Amino acid sequence: MGYWYDLINYPTYANNVWCQFNEEIIASQYFKGNFKIRFDASALGGSTEEANIDDVLISTFDSTPAAPTGLVATLGDTEVSLDWTDNSEGDIDGYNVYRSESMGGPYSKVNVSLVATSDYTNTGLTNDVTYYYVVTAVDFGSNESDYSNEDSATPTDLPPAAPIGLVATSGNEEVTLNWDDNSEGDLDGYNVYRSETSSGPYSQINVSLVATSDYTDTELTYDVTYYYVVRAVDLTSNESGDSNEDSAVANNITPAAPTGLVATP
């Protein structure tokens, strides 16, 4: 459904004669597209009739958006995340992102279509290479701003996040460990560390990487408290920091007495 908007109210009076007026209209809510303009004439008594218009000249202008500000580049593993401050112009259509391997350019555009929000992640990059970025704003008239401030980042093969949710459960001269799965796509497995002292030092107890998020430590000494942490390892052997620590006592559980014994003569 269409809407009519009041843009100007021009106070001129005439008695069945033509009148001439000039008025500047700044209508920031109107962008690229087709619009209709209607002129109404109001009598002193308040009645309104559509006015007869002889000549209408409409001139428009497009100003270039301001250059974006506040660009920050953050490194990732084969990627760089960008964030900047939203432009305040009402007719912003989106942003272009430019990249260079040299400070100050020359830059090449990396986005295929306009970026609708004030953030962007540039993926598929080479680790240990420094990339330099600038951003421009584009309005509905395809006017493009100057470059934003430049920022840079160097993608790095980051280690996995430390596992979380480690819980140790006592068993018969053993302790069972469970923790939350890590979410990294390049995760290769986990290492399990144990100590008889809270906060370590710890010793690795698994021989090969643990493929799942659980582990049972066996052949322990009865009535000793053992402290555990777990670390995640990725495909390039980067190891995370320690998980939370948890502890359990290796019990010596006496088997239950047999039941149902029947003597047969």
Protein backbone atom coordinates (compact mmCIF):
# COMPACT_ATOMS: atom_id res chain seq x y z
CA MET A 1 0.00 0.00 0.00
CA GLY A 2 1.34 3.43 -0.95
CA TYR A 3 1.47 6.47 1.30
CA TRP A 4 1.39 10.21 0.68
CA TYR A 5 3.84 12.33 2.67
CA ASP A 6 3.52 16.06 3.32
CA LEU A 7 6.78 17.60 2.21
CA ILE A 8 6.06 21.37 2.18
CA ASN A 9 3.30 23.72 3.16
CA TYR A 10 3.61 26.87 1.06
CA PRO A 11 1.48 29.79 2.35
CA THR A 12 0.45 31.77 -0.76
CA TYR A 13 -2.90 33.29 -1.57
CA ALA A 14 -4.48 33.93 -4.95
CA ASN A 15 -7.94 34.64 -6.23
CA ASN A 16 -8.42 32.56 -9.36
CA VAL A 17 -5.08 33.58 -10.75
CA TRP A 18 -1.81 31.75 -11.30
CA CYS A 19 0.81 32.05 -8.62
CA GLN A 20 4.47 31.19 -8.80
CA PHE A 21 6.60 29.80 -5.97
CA ASN A 22 9.93 28.09 -5.42
CA GLU A 23 10.53 25.70 -2.58
CA GLU A 24 13.39 23.35 -1.66
CA ILE A 25 12.38 19.89 -0.54
CA ILE A 26 14.79 17.64 1.32
CA ALA A 27 13.17 14.24 1.50
CA SER A 28 15.68 11.87 3.02
CA GLN A 29 13.15 9.05 3.18
CA TYR A 30 13.08 8.86 -0.63
CA PHE A 31 15.84 7.03 -2.40
CA LYS A 32 16.34 5.52 -5.79
CA GLY A 33 13.06 4.74 -7.58
CA ASN A 34 9.92 6.27 -9.08
CA PHE A 35 7.63 8.54 -7.08
CA LYS A 36 4.47 10.54 -7.68
CA ILE A 37 4.03 14.14 -6.58
CA ARG A 38 0.58 15.58 -5.85
CA PHE A 39 -0.27 19.25 -5.30
CA ASP A 40 -3.33 20.22 -3.24
CA ALA A 41 -4.82 23.70 -2.76
CA SER A 42 -6.66 24.56 0.42
CA ALA A 43 -9.29 27.27 0.73
CA LEU A 44 -9.36 29.56 3.71
CA GLY A 45 -12.31 27.63 5.05
CA GLY A 46 -10.29 24.42 5.15
CA SER A 47 -11.60 22.58 2.10
CA THR A 48 -8.96 20.94 -0.10
CA GLU A 49 -8.93 20.46 -3.83
CA GLU A 50 -6.25 19.12 -6.12
CA ALA A 51 -4.40 22.07 -7.64
CA ASN A 52 -3.84 22.64 -11.34
CA ILE A 53 -0.12 22.77 -12.04
CA ASP A 54 1.38 24.40 -15.11
CA ASP A 55 5.13 23.60 -14.92
CA VAL A 56 7.08 21.60 -12.39
CA LEU A 57 10.86 21.34 -12.34
CA ILE A 58 12.31 18.79 -9.94
CA SER A 59 16.04 18.70 -9.31
CA THR A 60 17.74 16.08 -7.17
CA PHE A 61 21.29 15.67 -5.92
CA ASP A 62 23.33 12.81 -4.55
CA SER A 63 26.08 13.34 -2.01
CA THR A 64 28.86 10.82 -1.50
CA PRO A 65 28.69 8.95 1.82
CA ALA A 66 31.26 9.66 4.48
CA ALA A 67 34.16 7.21 4.73
CA PRO A 68 33.48 4.51 7.34
CA THR A 69 35.36 4.78 10.62
CA GLY A 70 36.53 2.48 13.37
CA LEU A 71 37.72 -0.43 11.19
CA VAL A 72 39.28 -3.21 13.29
CA ALA A 73 40.79 -6.40 11.85
CA THR A 74 41.04 -9.52 14.04
CA LEU A 75 43.12 -12.55 13.14
CA GLY A 76 41.78 -16.10 12.91
CA ASP A 77 42.92 -19.41 11.49
CA THR A 78 43.14 -18.78 7.68
CA GLU A 79 40.72 -15.88 8.11
CA VAL A 80 40.42 -12.27 9.26
CA SER A 81 37.29 -10.80 10.86
CA LEU A 82 36.50 -7.14 10.21
CA ASP A 83 34.25 -4.80 12.15
CA TRP A 84 33.58 -1.08 11.73
CA THR A 85 31.15 1.65 12.78
CA ASP A 86 27.82 1.89 10.93
CA ASN A 87 27.48 4.90 8.64
CA SER A 88 24.68 7.24 9.71
CA GLU A 89 23.41 8.28 6.26
CA GLY A 90 19.83 7.21 5.59
CA ASP A 91 20.54 6.10 2.03
CA ILE A 92 23.41 3.65 2.66
CA ASP A 93 23.02 0.58 0.44
CA GLY A 94 26.01 -1.35 1.79
CA TYR A 95 29.78 -1.53 2.01
CA ASN A 96 32.74 -2.71 -0.05
CA VAL A 97 35.76 -4.40 1.52
CA TYR A 98 39.23 -3.99 0.00
CA ARG A 99 42.41 -5.93 0.80
CA SER A 100 46.13 -5.62 0.09
CA GLU A 101 49.28 -7.42 1.14
CA SER A 102 51.06 -4.04 1.27
CA MET A 103 50.41 -1.22 3.71
CA GLY A 104 48.63 1.62 1.93
CA GLY A 105 47.55 -0.51 -1.04
CA PRO A 106 46.97 -0.94 -3.88
CA TYR A 107 43.78 -2.67 -2.75
CA SER A 108 41.52 -5.21 -4.44
CA LYS A 109 37.84 -5.65 -3.63
CA VAL A 110 37.13 -8.98 -1.92
CA ASN A 111 33.32 -8.98 -1.65
CA VAL A 112 31.21 -10.03 -4.65
CA SER A 113 28.03 -8.20 -3.62
CA LEU A 114 27.59 -5.26 -1.26
CA VAL A 115 28.06 -6.12 2.41
CA ALA A 116 24.80 -5.28 4.17
CA THR A 117 26.18 -5.02 7.72
CA SER A 118 29.20 -3.39 9.31
CA ASP A 119 31.15 -6.62 9.72
CA TYR A 120 32.78 -9.11 7.36
CA THR A 121 34.90 -12.26 7.60
CA ASN A 122 37.50 -12.78 4.88
CA THR A 123 38.15 -16.54 4.66
CA GLY A 124 40.49 -18.81 2.71
CA LEU A 125 43.61 -16.81 3.59
CA THR A 126 47.19 -17.99 4.03
CA ASN A 127 48.41 -18.19 7.60
CA ASP A 128 51.42 -16.05 8.61
CA VAL A 129 50.75 -13.48 5.84
CA THR A 130 49.80 -9.94 6.89
CA TYR A 131 46.71 -8.53 5.15
CA TYR A 132 45.74 -4.84 5.08
CA TYR A 133 42.09 -3.77 4.81
CA VAL A 134 39.98 -0.69 4.11
CA VAL A 135 36.20 -0.33 3.73
CA THR A 136 34.01 2.04 1.69
CA ALA A 137 30.33 2.94 2.00
CA VAL A 138 27.98 2.91 -1.01
CA ASP A 139 24.61 4.67 -1.22
CA PHE A 140 21.50 3.88 -3.26
CA GLY A 141 22.78 6.09 -6.05
CA SER A 142 25.93 3.91 -6.29
CA ASN A 143 28.07 6.74 -4.93
CA GLU A 144 31.08 5.27 -3.11
CA SER A 145 32.89 6.93 -0.22
CA ASP A 146 36.59 7.35 0.33
CA TYR A 147 38.49 4.58 2.12
CA SER A 148 38.08 4.05 5.84
CA ASN A 149 41.07 3.88 8.13
CA GLU A 150 43.36 0.96 7.31
CA ASP A 151 43.84 -1.96 9.70
CA SER A 152 45.76 -5.21 9.35
CA ALA A 153 45.90 -8.73 10.76
CA THR A 154 48.02 -11.84 10.27
CA PRO A 155 46.06 -15.13 10.22
CA THR A 156 47.59 -17.79 12.45
CA ASP A 157 47.08 -21.49 13.02
CA LEU A 158 45.47 -21.08 16.43
CA PRO A 159 45.36 -23.86 19.04
CA PRO A 160 41.94 -25.24 20.00
CA ALA A 161 40.00 -23.80 22.90
CA ALA A 162 40.55 -25.48 26.26
CA PRO A 163 37.95 -28.21 26.88
CA ILE A 164 35.23 -27.44 29.41
CA GLY A 165 32.90 -29.41 31.65
CA LEU A 166 35.41 -31.99 32.91
CA VAL A 167 33.86 -34.30 35.52
CA ALA A 168 35.77 -37.08 37.33
CA THR A 169 33.81 -40.01 38.79
CA SER A 170 35.19 -42.53 41.30
CA GLY A 171 35.24 -46.20 40.46
CA ASN A 172 36.80 -49.43 41.70
CA GLU A 173 40.48 -48.47 41.66
CA GLU A 174 39.71 -46.34 38.61
CA VAL A 175 38.38 -42.89 37.69
CA THR A 176 36.09 -42.18 34.76
CA LEU A 177 36.39 -38.78 33.04
CA ASN A 178 33.82 -37.01 30.86
CA TRP A 179 33.93 -33.52 29.27
CA ASP A 180 32.22 -31.47 26.57
CA ASP A 181 33.17 -32.01 22.92
CA ASN A 182 35.24 -29.23 21.36
CA SER A 183 33.64 -27.59 18.31
CA GLU A 184 36.73 -26.86 16.13
CA GLY A 185 36.57 -28.45 12.70
CA ASP A 186 40.28 -29.38 12.73
CA LEU A 187 40.22 -31.16 16.09
CA ASP A 188 42.32 -34.36 16.17
CA GLY A 189 41.73 -35.55 19.75
CA TYR A 190 42.51 -35.01 23.43
CA ASN A 191 45.32 -35.57 25.93
CA VAL A 192 44.55 -36.47 29.55
CA TYR A 193 46.79 -35.30 32.41
CA ARG A 194 46.85 -36.47 36.03
CA SER A 195 48.40 -35.35 39.28
CA GLU A 196 48.19 -36.33 42.95
CA THR A 197 48.36 -32.64 43.83
CA SER A 198 45.72 -30.02 43.07
CA SER A 199 46.84 -27.66 40.27
CA GLY A 200 49.65 -30.02 39.23
CA PRO A 201 52.25 -30.56 38.06
CA TYR A 202 50.45 -32.99 35.73
CA SER A 203 51.70 -35.98 33.73
CA GLN A 204 50.12 -37.19 30.49
CA ILE A 205 48.59 -40.65 30.97
CA ASN A 206 47.25 -41.50 27.49
CA VAL A 207 49.68 -43.07 24.99
CA SER A 208 47.80 -42.02 21.85
CA LEU A 209 45.27 -39.22 21.34
CA VAL A 210 41.86 -39.86 22.89
CA ALA A 211 39.33 -39.70 20.07
CA THR A 212 36.20 -39.14 22.19
CA SER A 213 35.33 -36.86 25.10
CA ASP A 214 35.58 -39.58 27.76
CA TYR A 215 38.38 -41.63 29.31
CA THR A 216 38.77 -44.21 32.09
CA ASP A 217 41.99 -44.16 34.12
CA THR A 218 42.53 -47.67 35.56
CA GLU A 219 44.82 -49.58 37.97
CA LEU A 220 44.90 -46.75 40.45
CA THR A 221 45.82 -46.92 44.14
CA TYR A 222 42.98 -47.33 46.58
CA ASP A 223 41.99 -44.29 48.66
CA VAL A 224 44.22 -41.84 46.75
CA THR A 225 42.77 -38.60 45.36
CA TYR A 226 43.71 -37.96 41.73
CA TYR A 227 43.44 -34.59 39.98
CA TYR A 228 42.81 -34.34 36.23
CA VAL A 229 42.84 -31.84 33.36
CA VAL A 230 42.28 -32.41 29.63
CA ARG A 231 43.76 -30.61 26.61
CA ALA A 232 42.49 -30.53 23.01
CA VAL A 233 44.83 -31.12 20.05
CA ASP A 234 44.26 -30.10 16.42
CA LEU A 235 45.43 -31.65 13.16
CA THR A 236 48.65 -29.64 13.18
CA SER A 237 49.46 -30.76 16.76
CA ASN A 238 48.58 -27.44 18.39
CA GLU A 239 47.54 -28.19 21.97
CA SER A 240 45.07 -26.13 23.96
CA GLY A 241 45.40 -24.90 27.49
CA ASP A 242 44.14 -26.93 30.44
CA SER A 243 40.49 -27.66 30.96
CA ASN A 244 38.96 -27.10 34.36
CA GLU A 245 40.45 -29.40 36.98
CA ASP A 246 38.37 -32.11 38.65
CA SER A 247 39.30 -34.84 41.13
CA ALA A 248 38.11 -38.20 42.38
CA VAL A 249 39.19 -40.84 44.88
CA ALA A 250 40.01 -44.29 43.58
CA ASN A 251 37.79 -46.56 45.69
CA ASN A 252 38.27 -50.17 46.61
CA ILE A 253 34.73 -51.35 46.19
CA THR A 254 34.03 -54.70 47.82
CA PRO A 255 31.95 -56.91 45.52
CA ALA A 256 28.41 -57.54 46.68
CA ALA A 257 27.79 -60.84 48.46
CA PRO A 258 26.39 -63.53 46.19
CA THR A 259 22.70 -64.30 46.56
CA GLY A 260 20.43 -67.15 45.66
CA LEU A 261 22.68 -69.90 46.99
CA VAL A 262 20.87 -73.24 47.03
CA ALA A 263 22.35 -76.37 48.57
CA THR A 264 21.49 -79.63 46.86
CA PRO A 265 21.87 -82.88 48.73
